[in-house]
Amino acid sequence: MAKDSSAATPALCLLRQEYHGVLSTHSVQMAGFPFGSVAPYCLDANGCVIILISSIAQHTKNIVENNKVSFIVSEAGVDDVQTAARLTLMAEAQVIDANDEDTRQRYYRYFPSARGYHNTHNFSFYRLHSVRARYIGGFGKIHWLQPEQLQLSQTFSGADEIPMLDHMNADHRDAIEKYCRNFDINFGPKDMPEMVGIDSLGAHIRVGATISRITFGQQAENSQAVRRELVALARP
């Protein structure tokens, strides 16, 4: 099992490419047994996994008793699951302050239907603070990674992201549709693809409930470089 920093980039890309994983907690009802459940996620500005879970859910009750969890993200759309890339985060789950508006709005951009969850059950946001990660890039490609290796070094602030998103969605919907065609993201005549996240390596586009990733040709060093990359991706 290699400790190779070269695995950090594909692991980081996988984490940003997918948007749901398997959350494993320590069962309260069945002591000693792990309890697995599926959870949608997005990443905060520092690259930590954010999940939204209900207080009545079994996994939340488990976390309250023991906040040590694992979170598995696997590459989608692969015929042979044995060849799929997968990443296991071993982490400590910590509840996020209910007044953290940045986290709330970030998550709702990715999962707008979640806005109504708070009206029916007591949902809270949790951040998964990774303590170690295991990445498998295919048969025999096994790597242990430290948390900092999965942190994307952002060269523009989180405050820059919202104006860029607002600008793209308000003024450049033709370009967003072009990204969809260039990256084989399906959308129908009544769909309105929306850009919901931008970082220095790429962006996320949501069509209905489906989130897809588009990637830049190179890492963008600042917001001006992001603009150049977005312009380049809109070309034929």
C-alpha atoms as a PDB file:
ATOM      1  CA  MET A   1       0.000   0.000   0.000  1.00  0.00           C
ATOM      2  CA  ALA A   2       1.747   3.100  -1.259  1.00  0.00           C
ATOM      3  CA  LYS A   3       1.887   6.509   0.369  1.00  0.00           C
ATOM      4  CA  ASP A   4       2.288   8.284  -2.956  1.00  0.00           C
ATOM      5  CA  SER A   5       1.436  11.966  -3.278  1.00  0.00           C
ATOM      6  CA  SER A   6       0.725  11.368  -6.975  1.00  0.00           C
ATOM      7  CA  ALA A   7      -2.604   9.831  -5.935  1.00  0.00           C
ATOM      8  CA  ALA A   8      -3.742  13.061  -4.301  1.00  0.00           C
ATOM      9  CA  THR A   9      -4.842  14.738  -7.533  1.00  0.00           C
ATOM     10  CA  PRO A  10      -7.097  11.927  -8.838  1.00  0.00           C
ATOM     11  CA  ALA A  11      -8.498  11.412  -5.336  1.00  0.00           C
ATOM     12  CA  LEU A  12      -9.290  15.096  -5.027  1.00  0.00           C
ATOM     13  CA  CYS A  13     -10.892  15.100  -8.483  1.00  0.00           C
ATOM     14  CA  LEU A  14     -13.032  12.071  -7.595  1.00  0.00           C
ATOM     15  CA  LEU A  15     -14.262  13.769  -4.424  1.00  0.00           C
ATOM     16  CA  ARG A  16     -15.310  16.807  -6.486  1.00  0.00           C
ATOM     17  CA  GLN A  17     -16.747  14.751  -9.334  1.00  0.00           C
ATOM     18  CA  GLU A  18     -19.349  12.832  -7.324  1.00  0.00           C
ATOM     19  CA  TYR A  19     -22.105  14.143  -5.075  1.00  0.00           C
ATOM     20  CA  HIS A  20     -23.258  11.215  -2.937  1.00  0.00           C
ATOM     21  CA  GLY A  21     -21.502   8.585  -0.867  1.00  0.00           C
ATOM     22  CA  VAL A  22     -21.971   5.898   1.761  1.00  0.00           C
ATOM     23  CA  LEU A  23     -21.828   7.141   5.345  1.00  0.00           C
ATOM     24  CA  SER A  24     -20.827   4.477   7.892  1.00  0.00           C
ATOM     25  CA  THR A  25     -21.404   5.103  11.595  1.00  0.00           C
ATOM     26  CA  HIS A  26     -21.076   3.056  14.787  1.00  0.00           C
ATOM     27  CA  SER A  27     -24.443   1.423  15.458  1.00  0.00           C
ATOM     28  CA  VAL A  28     -26.068   2.258  18.777  1.00  0.00           C
ATOM     29  CA  GLN A  29     -28.718  -0.456  18.530  1.00  0.00           C
ATOM     30  CA  MET A  30     -26.280  -3.144  17.372  1.00  0.00           C
ATOM     31  CA  ALA A  31     -23.109  -2.418  19.340  1.00  0.00           C
ATOM     32  CA  GLY A  32     -19.930  -3.317  17.495  1.00  0.00           C
ATOM     33  CA  PHE A  33     -21.542  -3.303  14.056  1.00  0.00           C
ATOM     34  CA  PRO A  34     -21.086  -0.572  11.429  1.00  0.00           C
ATOM     35  CA  PHE A  35     -24.218   1.060  10.033  1.00  0.00           C
ATOM     36  CA  GLY A  36     -24.200   2.248   6.422  1.00  0.00           C
ATOM     37  CA  SER A  37     -26.467   4.753   4.701  1.00  0.00           C
ATOM     38  CA  VAL A  38     -26.421   6.822   1.526  1.00  0.00           C
ATOM     39  CA  ALA A  39     -25.925  10.570   1.866  1.00  0.00           C
ATOM     40  CA  PRO A  40     -25.758  13.377  -0.708  1.00  0.00           C
ATOM     41  CA  TYR A  41     -22.908  15.804  -0.135  1.00  0.00           C
ATOM     42  CA  CYS A  42     -21.218  18.938  -1.325  1.00  0.00           C
ATOM     43  CA  LEU A  43     -17.872  20.403  -0.335  1.00  0.00           C
ATOM     44  CA  ASP A  44     -17.274  23.569   1.625  1.00  0.00           C
ATOM     45  CA  ALA A  45     -14.782  26.220   0.541  1.00  0.00           C
ATOM     46  CA  ASN A  46     -11.967  24.231   2.192  1.00  0.00           C
ATOM     47  CA  GLY A  47     -12.884  20.931   0.550  1.00  0.00           C
ATOM     48  CA  CYS A  48     -14.546  19.277   3.563  1.00  0.00           C
ATOM     49  CA  VAL A  49     -17.601  17.088   2.991  1.00  0.00           C
ATOM     50  CA  ILE A  50     -20.910  18.657   4.071  1.00  0.00           C
ATOM     51  CA  ILE A  51     -23.964  16.478   4.709  1.00  0.00           C
ATOM     52  CA  LEU A  52     -27.488  17.304   5.854  1.00  0.00           C
ATOM     53  CA  ILE A  53     -29.063  14.710   8.159  1.00  0.00           C
ATOM     54  CA  SER A  54     -32.150  14.488  10.349  1.00  0.00           C
ATOM     55  CA  SER A  55     -32.102  14.103  14.117  1.00  0.00           C
ATOM     56  CA  ILE A  56     -34.555  11.183  13.822  1.00  0.00           C
ATOM     57  CA  ALA A  57     -32.297   9.264  11.389  1.00  0.00           C
ATOM     58  CA  GLN A  58     -30.396   6.306  12.792  1.00  0.00           C
ATOM     59  CA  HIS A  59     -27.058   7.520  11.455  1.00  0.00           C
ATOM     60  CA  THR A  60     -27.494  10.839  13.271  1.00  0.00           C
ATOM     61  CA  LYS A  61     -28.266   9.080  16.544  1.00  0.00           C
ATOM     62  CA  ASN A  62     -25.137   7.016  16.004  1.00  0.00           C
ATOM     63  CA  ILE A  63     -23.020  10.125  15.371  1.00  0.00           C
ATOM     64  CA  VAL A  64     -24.268  11.758  18.557  1.00  0.00           C
ATOM     65  CA  GLU A  65     -22.911   8.766  20.497  1.00  0.00           C
ATOM     66  CA  ASN A  66     -19.709   8.367  18.470  1.00  0.00           C
ATOM     67  CA  ASN A  67     -18.743  10.932  15.864  1.00  0.00           C
ATOM     68  CA  LYS A  68     -16.039   8.806  14.224  1.00  0.00           C
ATOM     69  CA  VAL A  69     -17.316   7.875  10.767  1.00  0.00           C
ATOM     70  CA  SER A  70     -16.188   6.759   7.355  1.00  0.00           C
ATOM     71  CA  PHE A  71     -17.487   8.091   4.060  1.00  0.00           C
ATOM     72  CA  ILE A  72     -17.022   6.193   0.803  1.00  0.00           C
ATOM     73  CA  VAL A  73     -17.211   7.887  -2.587  1.00  0.00           C
ATOM     74  CA  SER A  74     -17.080   5.683  -5.681  1.00  0.00           C
ATOM     75  CA  GLU A  75     -16.689   6.530  -9.350  1.00  0.00           C
ATOM     76  CA  ALA A  76     -20.056   6.337 -11.097  1.00  0.00           C
ATOM     77  CA  GLY A  77     -20.805   4.997 -14.566  1.00  0.00           C
ATOM     78  CA  VAL A  78     -18.201   2.210 -14.535  1.00  0.00           C
ATOM     79  CA  ASP A  79     -19.231  -1.228 -15.837  1.00  0.00           C
ATOM     80  CA  ASP A  80     -16.856  -3.191 -13.611  1.00  0.00           C
ATOM     81  CA  VAL A  81     -17.083  -1.939 -10.022  1.00  0.00           C
ATOM     82  CA  GLN A  82     -13.710  -3.550  -9.285  1.00  0.00           C
ATOM     83  CA  THR A  83     -12.022  -1.095 -11.653  1.00  0.00           C
ATOM     84  CA  ALA A  84     -13.852   1.965 -10.333  1.00  0.00           C
ATOM     85  CA  ALA A  85     -11.904   4.566  -8.429  1.00  0.00           C
ATOM     86  CA  ARG A  86     -13.037   4.929  -4.812  1.00  0.00           C
ATOM     87  CA  LEU A  87     -12.111   7.032  -1.849  1.00  0.00           C
ATOM     88  CA  THR A  88     -12.729   6.258   1.820  1.00  0.00           C
ATOM     89  CA  LEU A  89     -12.565   9.159   4.243  1.00  0.00           C
ATOM     90  CA  MET A  90     -12.077   8.361   7.912  1.00  0.00           C
ATOM     91  CA  ALA A  91     -13.399  11.420   9.644  1.00  0.00           C
ATOM     92  CA  GLU A  92     -14.927  13.061  12.666  1.00  0.00           C
ATOM     93  CA  ALA A  93     -18.420  14.436  12.082  1.00  0.00           C
ATOM     94  CA  GLN A  94     -19.149  17.789  13.700  1.00  0.00           C
ATOM     95  CA  VAL A  95     -22.456  19.623  13.653  1.00  0.00           C
ATOM     96  CA  ILE A  96     -22.356  23.026  11.965  1.00  0.00           C
ATOM     97  CA  ASP A  97     -23.781  26.102  13.641  1.00  0.00           C
ATOM     98  CA  ALA A  98     -27.335  26.708  12.453  1.00  0.00           C
ATOM     99  CA  ASN A  99     -26.433  30.328  11.739  1.00  0.00           C
ATOM    100  CA  ASP A 100     -23.764  29.389   9.203  1.00  0.00           C
ATOM    101  CA  GLU A 101     -25.547  30.885   6.217  1.00  0.00           C
ATOM    102  CA  ASP A 102     -22.681  30.205   3.781  1.00  0.00           C
ATOM    103  CA  THR A 103     -22.965  26.448   4.342  1.00  0.00           C
ATOM    104  CA  ARG A 104     -26.744  26.506   4.059  1.00  0.00           C
ATOM    105  CA  GLN A 105     -26.786  28.405   0.776  1.00  0.00           C
ATOM    106  CA  ARG A 106     -23.923  26.369  -0.682  1.00  0.00           C
ATOM    107  CA  TYR A 107     -25.730  23.099   0.028  1.00  0.00           C
ATOM    108  CA  TYR A 108     -29.069  24.417  -1.265  1.00  0.00           C
ATOM    109  CA  ARG A 109     -27.489  25.412  -4.567  1.00  0.00           C
ATOM    110  CA  TYR A 110     -26.589  21.774  -5.095  1.00  0.00           C
ATOM    111  CA  PHE A 111     -29.752  20.318  -3.579  1.00  0.00           C
ATOM    112  CA  PRO A 112     -32.542  22.930  -3.763  1.00  0.00           C
ATOM    113  CA  SER A 113     -35.224  20.442  -2.703  1.00  0.00           C
ATOM    114  CA  ALA A 114     -33.480  20.200   0.679  1.00  0.00           C
ATOM    115  CA  ARG A 115     -34.759  23.672   1.605  1.00  0.00           C
ATOM    116  CA  GLY A 116     -38.046  22.119   2.665  1.00  0.00           C
ATOM    117  CA  TYR A 117     -36.521  19.463   4.887  1.00  0.00           C
ATOM    118  CA  HIS A 118     -36.344  21.828   7.840  1.00  0.00           C
ATOM    119  CA  ASN A 119     -40.109  22.289   7.705  1.00  0.00           C
ATOM    120  CA  THR A 120     -40.869  18.639   8.435  1.00  0.00           C
ATOM    121  CA  HIS A 121     -37.976  17.251  10.491  1.00  0.00           C
ATOM    122  CA  ASN A 122     -35.118  18.612  12.535  1.00  0.00           C
ATOM    123  CA  PHE A 123     -32.249  18.547  10.030  1.00  0.00           C
ATOM    124  CA  SER A 124     -28.727  19.759  10.761  1.00  0.00           C
ATOM    125  CA  PHE A 125     -25.624  20.222   8.666  1.00  0.00           C
ATOM    126  CA  TYR A 126     -22.526  18.238   9.585  1.00  0.00           C
ATOM    127  CA  ARG A 127     -18.964  18.718   8.422  1.00  0.00           C
ATOM    128  CA  LEU A 128     -16.709  15.674   8.048  1.00  0.00           C
ATOM    129  CA  HIS A 129     -13.202  16.519   9.241  1.00  0.00           C
ATOM    130  CA  SER A 130     -11.002  13.908   7.587  1.00  0.00           C
ATOM    131  CA  VAL A 131      -8.208  12.370   9.669  1.00  0.00           C
ATOM    132  CA  ARG A 132      -6.985   9.948   6.985  1.00  0.00           C
ATOM    133  CA  ALA A 133      -8.086   8.738   3.573  1.00  0.00           C
ATOM    134  CA  ARG A 134      -7.614   5.645   1.458  1.00  0.00           C
ATOM    135  CA  TYR A 135      -7.748   5.972  -2.310  1.00  0.00           C
ATOM    136  CA  ILE A 136      -7.982   3.074  -4.758  1.00  0.00           C
ATOM    137  CA  GLY A 137      -7.495   4.117  -8.350  1.00  0.00           C
ATOM    138  CA  GLY A 138      -7.986   0.642  -9.797  1.00  0.00           C
ATOM    139  CA  PHE A 139      -6.527  -2.815  -9.301  1.00  0.00           C
ATOM    140  CA  GLY A 140      -3.359  -2.624  -7.200  1.00  0.00           C
ATOM    141  CA  LYS A 141      -3.403   1.194  -7.064  1.00  0.00           C
ATOM    142  CA  ILE A 142      -3.861   1.686  -3.332  1.00  0.00           C
ATOM    143  CA  HIS A 143      -2.769   4.798  -1.486  1.00  0.00           C
ATOM    144  CA  TRP A 144      -3.074   6.310   1.971  1.00  0.00           C
ATOM    145  CA  LEU A 145      -3.545  10.073   1.984  1.00  0.00           C
ATOM    146  CA  GLN A 146      -3.361  12.717   4.672  1.00  0.00           C
ATOM    147  CA  PRO A 147      -6.234  15.234   5.033  1.00  0.00           C
ATOM    148  CA  GLU A 148      -4.219  18.148   3.680  1.00  0.00           C
ATOM    149  CA  GLN A 149      -3.641  16.247   0.436  1.00  0.00           C
ATOM    150  CA  LEU A 150      -7.363  16.482  -0.312  1.00  0.00           C
ATOM    151  CA  GLN A 151      -7.566  20.209   0.369  1.00  0.00           C
ATOM    152  CA  LEU A 152      -7.738  22.184  -2.849  1.00  0.00           C
ATOM    153  CA  SER A 153      -5.583  25.264  -2.597  1.00  0.00           C
ATOM    154  CA  GLN A 154      -7.993  28.013  -3.569  1.00  0.00           C
ATOM    155  CA  THR A 155      -6.394  31.100  -5.030  1.00  0.00           C
ATOM    156  CA  PHE A 156      -9.615  33.136  -4.924  1.00  0.00           C
ATOM    157  CA  SER A 157     -11.846  33.613  -1.907  1.00  0.00           C
ATOM    158  CA  GLY A 158     -15.205  31.980  -1.321  1.00  0.00           C
ATOM    159  CA  ALA A 159     -16.764  35.436  -1.558  1.00  0.00           C
ATOM    160  CA  ASP A 160     -15.658  35.568  -5.209  1.00  0.00           C
ATOM    161  CA  GLU A 161     -17.633  32.454  -6.092  1.00  0.00           C
ATOM    162  CA  ILE A 162     -21.156  33.862  -5.655  1.00  0.00           C
ATOM    163  CA  PRO A 163     -20.726  36.814  -8.057  1.00  0.00           C
ATOM    164  CA  MET A 164     -19.196  34.491 -10.661  1.00  0.00           C
ATOM    165  CA  LEU A 165     -22.117  32.067 -10.355  1.00  0.00           C
ATOM    166  CA  ASP A 166     -24.698  34.851 -10.483  1.00  0.00           C
ATOM    167  CA  HIS A 167     -23.011  36.316 -13.564  1.00  0.00           C
ATOM    168  CA  MET A 168     -22.843  32.995 -15.399  1.00  0.00           C
ATOM    169  CA  ASN A 169     -26.442  32.029 -14.617  1.00  0.00           C
ATOM    170  CA  ALA A 170     -27.874  35.455 -15.413  1.00  0.00           C
ATOM    171  CA  ASP A 171     -25.856  36.434 -18.474  1.00  0.00           C
ATOM    172  CA  HIS A 172     -24.270  33.334 -19.984  1.00  0.00           C
ATOM    173  CA  ARG A 173     -26.841  30.563 -20.105  1.00  0.00           C
ATOM    174  CA  ASP A 174     -25.867  29.886 -23.717  1.00  0.00           C
ATOM    175  CA  ALA A 175     -22.330  29.149 -22.552  1.00  0.00           C
ATOM    176  CA  ILE A 176     -23.607  26.851 -19.780  1.00  0.00           C
ATOM    177  CA  GLU A 177     -25.610  24.905 -22.358  1.00  0.00           C
ATOM    178  CA  LYS A 178     -22.473  24.719 -24.487  1.00  0.00           C
ATOM    179  CA  TYR A 179     -20.587  23.234 -21.519  1.00  0.00           C
ATOM    180  CA  CYS A 180     -23.326  20.637 -21.202  1.00  0.00           C
ATOM    181  CA  ARG A 181     -22.975  19.623 -24.828  1.00  0.00           C
ATOM    182  CA  ASN A 182     -19.172  19.575 -24.660  1.00  0.00           C
ATOM    183  CA  PHE A 183     -19.164  17.417 -21.512  1.00  0.00           C
ATOM    184  CA  ASP A 184     -22.082  15.152 -22.538  1.00  0.00           C
ATOM    185  CA  ILE A 185     -24.398  16.489 -19.838  1.00  0.00           C
ATOM    186  CA  ASN A 186     -27.958  15.659 -20.853  1.00  0.00           C
ATOM    187  CA  PHE A 187     -30.631  18.337 -20.748  1.00  0.00           C
ATOM    188  CA  GLY A 188     -33.983  18.705 -22.442  1.00  0.00           C
ATOM    189  CA  PRO A 189     -35.677  21.690 -24.117  1.00  0.00           C
ATOM    190  CA  LYS A 190     -37.515  22.546 -20.891  1.00  0.00           C
ATOM    191  CA  ASP A 191     -34.460  22.141 -18.658  1.00  0.00           C
ATOM    192  CA  MET A 192     -32.502  25.113 -17.403  1.00  0.00           C
ATOM    193  CA  PRO A 193     -28.943  24.022 -16.546  1.00  0.00           C
ATOM    194  CA  GLU A 194     -27.527  26.027 -13.665  1.00  0.00           C
ATOM    195  CA  MET A 195     -23.944  26.494 -12.545  1.00  0.00           C
ATOM    196  CA  VAL A 196     -23.934  25.844  -8.795  1.00  0.00           C
ATOM    197  CA  GLY A 197     -20.248  25.789  -7.846  1.00  0.00           C
ATOM    198  CA  ILE A 198     -16.872  27.016  -9.080  1.00  0.00           C
ATOM    199  CA  ASP A 199     -13.405  26.209  -7.801  1.00  0.00           C
ATOM    200  CA  SER A 200      -9.927  26.526  -9.218  1.00  0.00           C
ATOM    201  CA  LEU A 201     -10.122  23.150 -11.014  1.00  0.00           C
ATOM    202  CA  GLY A 202     -13.586  23.335 -12.536  1.00  0.00           C
ATOM    203  CA  ALA A 203     -17.287  23.885 -11.940  1.00  0.00           C
ATOM    204  CA  HIS A 204     -20.495  22.027 -11.137  1.00  0.00           C
ATOM    205  CA  ILE A 205     -23.627  22.218 -13.276  1.00  0.00           C
ATOM    206  CA  ARG A 206     -27.013  21.050 -12.022  1.00  0.00           C
ATOM    207  CA  VAL A 207     -29.748  19.893 -14.393  1.00  0.00           C
ATOM    208  CA  GLY A 208     -32.817  19.103 -12.333  1.00  0.00           C
ATOM    209  CA  ALA A 209     -31.553  16.865  -9.548  1.00  0.00           C
ATOM    210  CA  THR A 210     -28.442  15.721 -11.427  1.00  0.00           C
ATOM    211  CA  ILE A 211     -25.085  17.347 -10.738  1.00  0.00           C
ATOM    212  CA  SER A 212     -22.221  17.089 -13.216  1.00  0.00           C
ATOM    213  CA  ARG A 213     -18.633  18.272 -13.186  1.00  0.00           C
ATOM    214  CA  ILE A 214     -16.805  20.214 -15.885  1.00  0.00           C
ATOM    215  CA  THR A 215     -13.028  20.533 -15.568  1.00  0.00           C
ATOM    216  CA  PHE A 216     -10.665  23.311 -16.558  1.00  0.00           C
ATOM    217  CA  GLY A 217      -7.687  22.763 -18.806  1.00  0.00           C
ATOM    218  CA  GLN A 218      -5.436  23.966 -15.999  1.00  0.00           C
ATOM    219  CA  GLN A 219      -5.796  25.192 -12.433  1.00  0.00           C
ATOM    220  CA  ALA A 220      -7.061  28.761 -12.302  1.00  0.00           C
ATOM    221  CA  GLU A 221      -4.871  30.991 -10.165  1.00  0.00           C
ATOM    222  CA  ASN A 222      -7.458  33.733  -9.613  1.00  0.00           C
ATOM    223  CA  SER A 223     -10.947  34.838 -10.629  1.00  0.00           C
ATOM    224  CA  GLN A 224      -9.622  36.303 -13.900  1.00  0.00           C
ATOM    225  CA  ALA A 225      -8.065  32.932 -14.723  1.00  0.00           C
ATOM    226  CA  VAL A 226     -11.402  31.260 -13.948  1.00  0.00           C
ATOM    227  CA  ARG A 227     -13.027  33.528 -16.506  1.00  0.00           C
ATOM    228  CA  ARG A 228     -10.401  32.578 -19.113  1.00  0.00           C
ATOM    229  CA  GLU A 229     -10.991  28.885 -18.470  1.00  0.00           C
ATOM    230  CA  LEU A 230     -14.752  29.273 -18.755  1.00  0.00           C
ATOM    231  CA  VAL A 231     -14.349  31.126 -22.043  1.00  0.00           C
ATOM    232  CA  ALA A 232     -12.040  28.399 -23.339  1.00  0.00           C
ATOM    233  CA  LEU A 233     -14.535  25.663 -22.417  1.00  0.00           C
ATOM    234  CA  ALA A 234     -17.274  27.385 -24.408  1.00  0.00           C
ATOM    235  CA  ARG A 235     -15.303  27.175 -27.632  1.00  0.00           C
ATOM    236  CA  PRO A 236     -16.132  24.466 -30.190  1.00  0.00           C
END
